[in-house]
Amino acid sequence: MWKRTCPFAIAAILAGIFLLLPQLIADDGDDSDGSRQDDGQFPSEFAAKVEQFNRLLKQERCNEAILLGKQARLLEPENPVAEIMVLKAKLLQQDAINRLSRKFKATLVADLRAEPDRSSAIHETLRAAEQAIDGLKSGGDESAAHGRCLLNASLERRIGLVDQICSLTDTQKRKLRLSGNGDIQRFLDRVEDLRPNYNDEPLDDFVCGTFCFGNPEPIRPSRSLGLFEHGSLFAKVLKRSLSETQAAALEASRCRSLQSDE
């Protein structure tokens, strides 16, 4: 399963990496025995890989960054910077995967009503989400189709609820459906980009173990994390397409919902 990252552990590890990496690079350049000068290609080539690696991390292109770190490790096997590069990329990959996992769960349960006896509806959906996440992580057309099916159901549920409040026209529903499908496709593409290479060695237990990864969250994720919330294509189209009367009705409904949750 996609496990939850402990933010404090991740922050501590990454902070150490950020502090250590420049110093290691500087130390590498000050090799006093002159062995680096015997082959001037390696330092410049290694530095270029470090620079490219940092660009990839900024874009969260983690699998490419991991591969580059391994190339750097082959180039200079004794240089600890290369090992840190690989570890750093894997940690950021895991963190990005965890964020997608929370977004997926938040989307599936966003419009489910919490029952007074706190019974099974939301908890069963979260369990189903865990199974779907495992499938998405491992890949395959069937898993992607299942994940899309669950997200499509959430999209239709969202459109239905907005329609109850705002009495949407057919044109408005069509626009919302198209924009929501765009958000779903973007999400699935991102899952594909971040999917780990299973031929890769796992993260070191000594470094990560239970320190970084705990059990999945048993509670309902915040709705604001969902796929169709602020900043999504769905939210932008919804804001543009509603009339003033519809927008006022939707805002009033949101206010009532917030008050009832307090």
C-alpha atoms as a PDB file:
ATOM      1  CA  MET A   1       0.000   0.000   0.000  1.00  0.00           C
ATOM      2  CA  TRP A   2       1.005   3.609  -0.397  1.00  0.00           C
ATOM      3  CA  LYS A   3       2.100   4.496   3.095  1.00  0.00           C
ATOM      4  CA  ARG A   4       1.832   7.815   4.880  1.00  0.00           C
ATOM      5  CA  THR A   5       5.047   9.781   5.244  1.00  0.00           C
ATOM      6  CA  CYS A   6       5.859  11.228   8.642  1.00  0.00           C
ATOM      7  CA  PRO A   7       6.446  14.888   7.710  1.00  0.00           C
ATOM      8  CA  PHE A   8       8.890  15.540  10.541  1.00  0.00           C
ATOM      9  CA  ALA A   9      11.108  12.583   9.602  1.00  0.00           C
ATOM     10  CA  ILE A  10      11.047  13.505   5.926  1.00  0.00           C
ATOM     11  CA  ALA A  11      11.830  17.137   6.746  1.00  0.00           C
ATOM     12  CA  ALA A  12      14.765  16.137   8.936  1.00  0.00           C
ATOM     13  CA  ILE A  13      16.245  13.802   6.338  1.00  0.00           C
ATOM     14  CA  LEU A  14      15.815  16.256   3.476  1.00  0.00           C
ATOM     15  CA  ALA A  15      17.216  19.117   5.562  1.00  0.00           C
ATOM     16  CA  GLY A  16      20.307  17.048   6.229  1.00  0.00           C
ATOM     17  CA  ILE A  17      20.631  16.239   2.551  1.00  0.00           C
ATOM     18  CA  PHE A  18      20.285  19.883   1.511  1.00  0.00           C
ATOM     19  CA  LEU A  19      22.940  20.925   4.037  1.00  0.00           C
ATOM     20  CA  LEU A  20      25.297  18.075   3.235  1.00  0.00           C
ATOM     21  CA  LEU A  21      25.144  18.021  -0.558  1.00  0.00           C
ATOM     22  CA  PRO A  22      26.924  21.360  -1.266  1.00  0.00           C
ATOM     23  CA  GLN A  23      29.654  20.551   1.261  1.00  0.00           C
ATOM     24  CA  LEU A  24      30.243  17.130  -0.248  1.00  0.00           C
ATOM     25  CA  ILE A  25      30.495  18.639  -3.702  1.00  0.00           C
ATOM     26  CA  ALA A  26      32.985  21.221  -2.415  1.00  0.00           C
ATOM     27  CA  ASP A  27      35.051  18.543  -0.665  1.00  0.00           C
ATOM     28  CA  ASP A  28      35.006  16.500  -3.843  1.00  0.00           C
ATOM     29  CA  GLY A  29      36.502  19.408  -5.751  1.00  0.00           C
ATOM     30  CA  ASP A  30      39.303  19.824  -3.179  1.00  0.00           C
ATOM     31  CA  ASP A  31      40.760  16.321  -3.609  1.00  0.00           C
ATOM     32  CA  SER A  32      44.349  16.905  -2.479  1.00  0.00           C
ATOM     33  CA  ASP A  33      45.951  13.740  -3.838  1.00  0.00           C
ATOM     34  CA  GLY A  34      45.614  15.004  -7.410  1.00  0.00           C
ATOM     35  CA  SER A  35      43.791  11.884  -8.582  1.00  0.00           C
ATOM     36  CA  ARG A  36      40.896  13.962  -9.943  1.00  0.00           C
ATOM     37  CA  GLN A  37      43.282  16.004 -12.036  1.00  0.00           C
ATOM     38  CA  ASP A  38      44.466  12.851 -13.809  1.00  0.00           C
ATOM     39  CA  ASP A  39      41.125  12.651 -15.563  1.00  0.00           C
ATOM     40  CA  GLY A  40      39.562  16.083 -15.900  1.00  0.00           C
ATOM     41  CA  GLN A  41      36.402  14.691 -17.513  1.00  0.00           C
ATOM     42  CA  PHE A  42      34.917  13.138 -14.367  1.00  0.00           C
ATOM     43  CA  PRO A  43      34.550  16.219 -12.117  1.00  0.00           C
ATOM     44  CA  SER A  44      32.907  18.318 -14.827  1.00  0.00           C
ATOM     45  CA  GLU A  45      30.659  15.457 -15.959  1.00  0.00           C
ATOM     46  CA  PHE A  46      29.676  14.678 -12.382  1.00  0.00           C
ATOM     47  CA  ALA A  47      28.905  18.335 -11.644  1.00  0.00           C
ATOM     48  CA  ALA A  48      26.749  18.491 -14.769  1.00  0.00           C
ATOM     49  CA  LYS A  49      24.763  15.496 -13.550  1.00  0.00           C
ATOM     50  CA  VAL A  50      24.242  17.121 -10.148  1.00  0.00           C
ATOM     51  CA  GLU A  51      22.983  20.288 -11.839  1.00  0.00           C
ATOM     52  CA  GLN A  52      20.613  18.322 -14.097  1.00  0.00           C
ATOM     53  CA  PHE A  53      19.474  16.277 -11.093  1.00  0.00           C
ATOM     54  CA  ASN A  54      18.461  19.412  -9.194  1.00  0.00           C
ATOM     55  CA  ARG A  55      16.439  20.626 -12.189  1.00  0.00           C
ATOM     56  CA  LEU A  56      14.609  17.302 -12.374  1.00  0.00           C
ATOM     57  CA  LEU A  57      13.768  17.406  -8.675  1.00  0.00           C
ATOM     58  CA  LYS A  58      12.284  20.884  -8.962  1.00  0.00           C
ATOM     59  CA  GLN A  59       9.942  19.455 -11.603  1.00  0.00           C
ATOM     60  CA  GLU A  60       9.283  16.328  -9.477  1.00  0.00           C
ATOM     61  CA  ARG A  61      10.498  14.101 -12.308  1.00  0.00           C
ATOM     62  CA  CYS A  62      11.587  11.597  -9.704  1.00  0.00           C
ATOM     63  CA  ASN A  63      12.204   8.465 -11.781  1.00  0.00           C
ATOM     64  CA  GLU A  64      14.481  10.410 -14.127  1.00  0.00           C
ATOM     65  CA  ALA A  65      16.273  11.885 -11.112  1.00  0.00           C
ATOM     66  CA  ILE A  66      16.781   8.425  -9.592  1.00  0.00           C
ATOM     67  CA  LEU A  67      18.256   7.167 -12.872  1.00  0.00           C
ATOM     68  CA  LEU A  68      20.585  10.164 -13.057  1.00  0.00           C
ATOM     69  CA  GLY A  69      21.727   9.550  -9.486  1.00  0.00           C
ATOM     70  CA  LYS A  70      22.568   5.961 -10.389  1.00  0.00           C
ATOM     71  CA  GLN A  71      24.529   7.160 -13.407  1.00  0.00           C
ATOM     72  CA  ALA A  72      26.446   9.520 -11.133  1.00  0.00           C
ATOM     73  CA  ARG A  73      27.091   6.609  -8.764  1.00  0.00           C
ATOM     74  CA  LEU A  74      28.573   4.562 -11.610  1.00  0.00           C
ATOM     75  CA  LEU A  75      30.672   7.532 -12.647  1.00  0.00           C
ATOM     76  CA  GLU A  76      32.162   8.028  -9.186  1.00  0.00           C
ATOM     77  CA  PRO A  77      31.372   4.970  -6.992  1.00  0.00           C
ATOM     78  CA  GLU A  78      33.250   6.337  -3.975  1.00  0.00           C
ATOM     79  CA  ASN A  79      31.576   9.740  -4.028  1.00  0.00           C
ATOM     80  CA  PRO A  80      28.862   9.894  -1.302  1.00  0.00           C
ATOM     81  CA  VAL A  81      27.063  12.694  -3.155  1.00  0.00           C
ATOM     82  CA  ALA A  82      25.762  10.189  -5.725  1.00  0.00           C
ATOM     83  CA  GLU A  83      24.236   7.981  -3.020  1.00  0.00           C
ATOM     84  CA  ILE A  84      22.586  11.017  -1.459  1.00  0.00           C
ATOM     85  CA  MET A  85      21.165  11.972  -4.867  1.00  0.00           C
ATOM     86  CA  VAL A  86      19.455   8.602  -5.235  1.00  0.00           C
ATOM     87  CA  LEU A  87      18.086   8.681  -1.685  1.00  0.00           C
ATOM     88  CA  LYS A  88      16.819  12.236  -2.024  1.00  0.00           C
ATOM     89  CA  ALA A  89      14.967  11.445  -5.256  1.00  0.00           C
ATOM     90  CA  LYS A  90      13.353   8.351  -3.739  1.00  0.00           C
ATOM     91  CA  LEU A  91      12.189  10.249  -0.667  1.00  0.00           C
ATOM     92  CA  LEU A  92      10.636  12.978  -2.776  1.00  0.00           C
ATOM     93  CA  GLN A  93       9.015  10.350  -4.986  1.00  0.00           C
ATOM     94  CA  GLN A  94       7.449   8.685  -1.936  1.00  0.00           C
ATOM     95  CA  ASP A  95       6.236  12.042  -0.633  1.00  0.00           C
ATOM     96  CA  ALA A  96       4.658  12.904  -4.001  1.00  0.00           C
ATOM     97  CA  ILE A  97       2.968   9.491  -4.137  1.00  0.00           C
ATOM     98  CA  ASN A  98       1.570  10.008  -0.635  1.00  0.00           C
ATOM     99  CA  ARG A  99       0.100  13.357  -1.669  1.00  0.00           C
ATOM    100  CA  LEU A 100      -1.609  11.728  -4.649  1.00  0.00           C
ATOM    101  CA  SER A 101      -2.948   9.010  -2.352  1.00  0.00           C
ATOM    102  CA  ARG A 102      -4.521  11.585  -0.046  1.00  0.00           C
ATOM    103  CA  LYS A 103      -5.973  13.464  -3.022  1.00  0.00           C
ATOM    104  CA  PHE A 104      -7.512  10.249  -4.363  1.00  0.00           C
ATOM    105  CA  LYS A 105      -9.112   9.365  -1.019  1.00  0.00           C
ATOM    106  CA  ALA A 106     -10.342  12.911  -0.428  1.00  0.00           C
ATOM    107  CA  THR A 107     -11.998  12.895  -3.866  1.00  0.00           C
ATOM    108  CA  LEU A 108     -13.815   9.610  -3.292  1.00  0.00           C
ATOM    109  CA  VAL A 109     -15.277  10.621   0.079  1.00  0.00           C
ATOM    110  CA  ALA A 110     -15.746  14.367  -0.554  1.00  0.00           C
ATOM    111  CA  ASP A 111     -19.505  14.226  -1.140  1.00  0.00           C
ATOM    112  CA  LEU A 112     -20.378  11.256   1.051  1.00  0.00           C
ATOM    113  CA  ARG A 113     -22.520  12.150   4.023  1.00  0.00           C
ATOM    114  CA  ALA A 114     -21.203  11.226   7.441  1.00  0.00           C
ATOM    115  CA  GLU A 115     -23.815   9.013   9.085  1.00  0.00           C
ATOM    116  CA  PRO A 116     -24.809   9.725  12.722  1.00  0.00           C
ATOM    117  CA  ASP A 117     -23.610   6.356  13.958  1.00  0.00           C
ATOM    118  CA  ARG A 118     -20.313   6.787  12.060  1.00  0.00           C
ATOM    119  CA  SER A 119     -21.085   3.585  10.198  1.00  0.00           C
ATOM    120  CA  SER A 120     -19.562   2.028   7.182  1.00  0.00           C
ATOM    121  CA  ALA A 121     -20.113   4.285   4.141  1.00  0.00           C
ATOM    122  CA  ILE A 122     -16.993   6.447   4.454  1.00  0.00           C
ATOM    123  CA  HIS A 123     -14.797   3.746   6.002  1.00  0.00           C
ATOM    124  CA  GLU A 124     -15.699   1.239   3.293  1.00  0.00           C
ATOM    125  CA  THR A 125     -14.939   3.837   0.632  1.00  0.00           C
ATOM    126  CA  LEU A 126     -11.544   4.522   2.198  1.00  0.00           C
ATOM    127  CA  ARG A 127     -10.778   0.794   2.238  1.00  0.00           C
ATOM    128  CA  ALA A 128     -11.797   0.541  -1.421  1.00  0.00           C
ATOM    129  CA  ALA A 129      -9.564   3.533  -2.134  1.00  0.00           C
ATOM    130  CA  GLU A 130      -6.588   1.737  -0.567  1.00  0.00           C
ATOM    131  CA  GLN A 131      -7.118  -1.255  -2.853  1.00  0.00           C
ATOM    132  CA  ALA A 132      -7.488   0.996  -5.898  1.00  0.00           C
ATOM    133  CA  ILE A 133      -4.338   2.908  -4.956  1.00  0.00           C
ATOM    134  CA  ASP A 134      -2.346  -0.324  -4.780  1.00  0.00           C
ATOM    135  CA  GLY A 135      -3.550  -1.154  -8.272  1.00  0.00           C
ATOM    136  CA  LEU A 136      -2.689   2.277  -9.637  1.00  0.00           C
ATOM    137  CA  LYS A 137       0.757   2.085  -8.082  1.00  0.00           C
ATOM    138  CA  SER A 138       1.515  -1.296  -9.656  1.00  0.00           C
ATOM    139  CA  GLY A 139       0.203  -0.186 -13.056  1.00  0.00           C
ATOM    140  CA  GLY A 140      -1.778  -1.906 -15.765  1.00  0.00           C
ATOM    141  CA  ASP A 141      -4.761  -0.955 -17.893  1.00  0.00           C
ATOM    142  CA  GLU A 142      -7.245  -2.702 -15.596  1.00  0.00           C
ATOM    143  CA  SER A 143      -6.064  -0.771 -12.535  1.00  0.00           C
ATOM    144  CA  ALA A 144      -6.191   2.537 -14.389  1.00  0.00           C
ATOM    145  CA  ALA A 145      -9.706   1.747 -15.615  1.00  0.00           C
ATOM    146  CA  HIS A 146     -10.832   0.897 -12.067  1.00  0.00           C
ATOM    147  CA  GLY A 147      -9.340   4.093 -10.672  1.00  0.00           C
ATOM    148  CA  ARG A 148     -10.966   6.136 -13.422  1.00  0.00           C
ATOM    149  CA  CYS A 149     -14.317   4.463 -12.741  1.00  0.00           C
ATOM    150  CA  LEU A 150     -14.181   5.429  -9.055  1.00  0.00           C
ATOM    151  CA  LEU A 151     -13.208   8.998  -9.885  1.00  0.00           C
ATOM    152  CA  ASN A 152     -15.906   9.262 -12.554  1.00  0.00           C
ATOM    153  CA  ALA A 153     -18.484   8.196  -9.965  1.00  0.00           C
ATOM    154  CA  SER A 154     -17.235  10.950  -7.643  1.00  0.00           C
ATOM    155  CA  LEU A 155     -17.439  13.469 -10.481  1.00  0.00           C
ATOM    156  CA  GLU A 156     -21.034  12.522 -11.290  1.00  0.00           C
ATOM    157  CA  ARG A 157     -21.910  12.720  -7.593  1.00  0.00           C
ATOM    158  CA  ARG A 158     -20.416  16.217  -7.413  1.00  0.00           C
ATOM    159  CA  ILE A 159     -22.277  17.399 -10.519  1.00  0.00           C
ATOM    160  CA  GLY A 160     -25.506  15.932  -9.150  1.00  0.00           C
ATOM    161  CA  LEU A 161     -25.143  17.790  -5.857  1.00  0.00           C
ATOM    162  CA  VAL A 162     -24.386  21.089  -7.598  1.00  0.00           C
ATOM    163  CA  ASP A 163     -27.386  20.494  -9.848  1.00  0.00           C
ATOM    164  CA  GLN A 164     -29.670  20.018  -6.833  1.00  0.00           C
ATOM    165  CA  ILE A 165     -28.598  23.419  -5.512  1.00  0.00           C
ATOM    166  CA  CYS A 166     -28.241  25.414  -8.734  1.00  0.00           C
ATOM    167  CA  SER A 167     -30.548  23.682 -11.266  1.00  0.00           C
ATOM    168  CA  LEU A 168     -27.821  23.381 -13.879  1.00  0.00           C
ATOM    169  CA  THR A 169     -28.554  23.509 -17.575  1.00  0.00           C
ATOM    170  CA  ASP A 170     -27.492  20.657 -19.841  1.00  0.00           C
ATOM    171  CA  THR A 171     -24.739  22.872 -21.265  1.00  0.00           C
ATOM    172  CA  GLN A 172     -23.388  23.609 -17.780  1.00  0.00           C
ATOM    173  CA  LYS A 173     -23.395  19.924 -16.885  1.00  0.00           C
ATOM    174  CA  ARG A 174     -21.543  19.083 -20.079  1.00  0.00           C
ATOM    175  CA  LYS A 175     -18.865  21.710 -19.377  1.00  0.00           C
ATOM    176  CA  LEU A 176     -18.423  20.504 -15.813  1.00  0.00           C
ATOM    177  CA  ARG A 177     -18.173  16.896 -16.942  1.00  0.00           C
ATOM    178  CA  LEU A 178     -15.511  17.758 -19.530  1.00  0.00           C
ATOM    179  CA  SER A 179     -13.460  19.778 -17.051  1.00  0.00           C
ATOM    180  CA  GLY A 180     -13.757  17.069 -14.372  1.00  0.00           C
ATOM    181  CA  ASN A 181     -12.599  14.448 -16.860  1.00  0.00           C
ATOM    182  CA  GLY A 182      -9.617  16.678 -17.561  1.00  0.00           C
ATOM    183  CA  ASP A 183      -8.758  16.718 -13.848  1.00  0.00           C
ATOM    184  CA  ILE A 184      -9.077  12.930 -13.709  1.00  0.00           C
ATOM    185  CA  GLN A 185      -6.819  12.434 -16.722  1.00  0.00           C
ATOM    186  CA  ARG A 186      -4.242  14.814 -15.302  1.00  0.00           C
ATOM    187  CA  PHE A 187      -4.285  12.881 -12.017  1.00  0.00           C
ATOM    188  CA  LEU A 188      -3.848   9.492 -13.720  1.00  0.00           C
ATOM    189  CA  ASP A 189      -1.028  10.867 -15.883  1.00  0.00           C
ATOM    190  CA  ARG A 190       0.720  12.073 -12.745  1.00  0.00           C
ATOM    191  CA  VAL A 191       0.339   8.643 -11.143  1.00  0.00           C
ATOM    192  CA  GLU A 192       1.928   7.138 -14.236  1.00  0.00           C
ATOM    193  CA  ASP A 193       4.832   9.593 -14.083  1.00  0.00           C
ATOM    194  CA  LEU A 194       5.540   8.843 -10.422  1.00  0.00           C
ATOM    195  CA  ARG A 195       5.045   5.088 -10.500  1.00  0.00           C
ATOM    196  CA  PRO A 196       8.186   3.485  -9.015  1.00  0.00           C
ATOM    197  CA  ASN A 197      10.337   1.154 -11.051  1.00  0.00           C
ATOM    198  CA  TYR A 198       9.928  -2.232  -9.380  1.00  0.00           C
ATOM    199  CA  ASN A 199      13.299  -3.372 -10.676  1.00  0.00           C
ATOM    200  CA  ASP A 200      14.766  -0.705  -8.426  1.00  0.00           C
ATOM    201  CA  GLU A 201      16.158  -1.476  -5.001  1.00  0.00           C
ATOM    202  CA  PRO A 202      13.861  -0.398  -2.117  1.00  0.00           C
ATOM    203  CA  LEU A 203      14.650   2.445   0.230  1.00  0.00           C
ATOM    204  CA  ASP A 204      17.050   1.465   2.984  1.00  0.00           C
ATOM    205  CA  ASP A 205      15.141   0.338   6.091  1.00  0.00           C
ATOM    206  CA  PHE A 206      17.786   1.969   8.251  1.00  0.00           C
ATOM    207  CA  VAL A 207      17.076   5.325   6.602  1.00  0.00           C
ATOM    208  CA  CYS A 208      13.316   5.042   6.225  1.00  0.00           C
ATOM    209  CA  GLY A 209      11.799   2.124   8.103  1.00  0.00           C
ATOM    210  CA  THR A 210       8.873   3.028  10.358  1.00  0.00           C
ATOM    211  CA  PHE A 211      10.476   6.395  11.009  1.00  0.00           C
ATOM    212  CA  CYS A 212       9.210   7.740   7.684  1.00  0.00           C
ATOM    213  CA  PHE A 213       6.274   5.523   6.858  1.00  0.00           C
ATOM    214  CA  GLY A 214       3.391   4.747   9.172  1.00  0.00           C
ATOM    215  CA  ASN A 215      -0.020   3.191   8.736  1.00  0.00           C
ATOM    216  CA  PRO A 216      -2.568   4.753   6.357  1.00  0.00           C
ATOM    217  CA  GLU A 217      -4.699   7.519   7.848  1.00  0.00           C
ATOM    218  CA  PRO A 218      -7.886   6.008   9.330  1.00  0.00           C
ATOM    219  CA  ILE A 219      -9.737   9.352   9.334  1.00  0.00           C
ATOM    220  CA  ARG A 220     -11.597  11.133   6.568  1.00  0.00           C
ATOM    221  CA  PRO A 221      -9.203  13.319   4.521  1.00  0.00           C
ATOM    222  CA  SER A 222      -9.965  17.008   4.185  1.00  0.00           C
ATOM    223  CA  ARG A 223     -12.313  17.809   1.304  1.00  0.00           C
ATOM    224  CA  SER A 224      -9.991  20.628   0.234  1.00  0.00           C
ATOM    225  CA  LEU A 225      -7.469  17.994  -0.915  1.00  0.00           C
ATOM    226  CA  GLY A 226      -9.894  16.549  -3.487  1.00  0.00           C
ATOM    227  CA  LEU A 227      -9.425  16.482  -7.225  1.00  0.00           C
ATOM    228  CA  PHE A 228     -12.251  18.907  -8.024  1.00  0.00           C
ATOM    229  CA  GLU A 229     -11.479  21.569  -5.428  1.00  0.00           C
ATOM    230  CA  HIS A 230      -9.785  24.964  -5.606  1.00  0.00           C
ATOM    231  CA  GLY A 231      -7.382  25.303  -8.531  1.00  0.00           C
ATOM    232  CA  SER A 232      -8.852  22.398 -10.495  1.00  0.00           C
ATOM    233  CA  LEU A 233     -10.287  22.671 -13.997  1.00  0.00           C
ATOM    234  CA  PHE A 234     -13.671  21.713 -12.541  1.00  0.00           C
ATOM    235  CA  ALA A 235     -13.605  24.536  -9.981  1.00  0.00           C
ATOM    236  CA  LYS A 236     -12.557  27.108 -12.574  1.00  0.00           C
ATOM    237  CA  VAL A 237     -15.278  26.106 -15.038  1.00  0.00           C
ATOM    238  CA  LEU A 238     -17.870  25.973 -12.255  1.00  0.00           C
ATOM    239  CA  LYS A 239     -17.026  29.522 -11.192  1.00  0.00           C
ATOM    240  CA  ARG A 240     -17.171  30.853 -14.758  1.00  0.00           C
ATOM    241  CA  SER A 241     -20.325  29.073 -15.862  1.00  0.00           C
ATOM    242  CA  LEU A 242     -22.712  29.800 -12.974  1.00  0.00           C
ATOM    243  CA  SER A 243     -25.081  32.758 -13.100  1.00  0.00           C
ATOM    244  CA  GLU A 244     -25.118  35.213 -10.190  1.00  0.00           C
ATOM    245  CA  THR A 245     -28.230  33.561  -8.769  1.00  0.00           C
ATOM    246  CA  GLN A 246     -26.724  30.085  -9.045  1.00  0.00           C
ATOM    247  CA  ALA A 247     -23.418  31.216  -7.519  1.00  0.00           C
ATOM    248  CA  ALA A 248     -25.260  32.814  -4.572  1.00  0.00           C
ATOM    249  CA  ALA A 249     -27.263  29.638  -3.985  1.00  0.00           C
ATOM    250  CA  LEU A 250     -24.099  27.510  -4.059  1.00  0.00           C
ATOM    251  CA  GLU A 251     -22.282  29.818  -1.641  1.00  0.00           C
ATOM    252  CA  ALA A 252     -25.245  29.805   0.755  1.00  0.00           C
ATOM    253  CA  SER A 253     -25.260  25.995   0.661  1.00  0.00           C
ATOM    254  CA  ARG A 254     -21.547  25.888   1.457  1.00  0.00           C
ATOM    255  CA  CYS A 255     -22.025  28.227   4.411  1.00  0.00           C
ATOM    256  CA  ARG A 256     -24.818  26.029   5.789  1.00  0.00           C
ATOM    257  CA  SER A 257     -22.637  22.974   5.349  1.00  0.00           C
ATOM    258  CA  LEU A 258     -19.763  24.590   7.237  1.00  0.00           C
ATOM    259  CA  GLN A 259     -22.063  25.607  10.075  1.00  0.00           C
ATOM    260  CA  SER A 260     -23.491  22.107  10.362  1.00  0.00           C
ATOM    261  CA  ASP A 261     -19.972  20.645  10.574  1.00  0.00           C
ATOM    262  CA  GLU A 262     -19.051  22.878  13.520  1.00  0.00           C
END
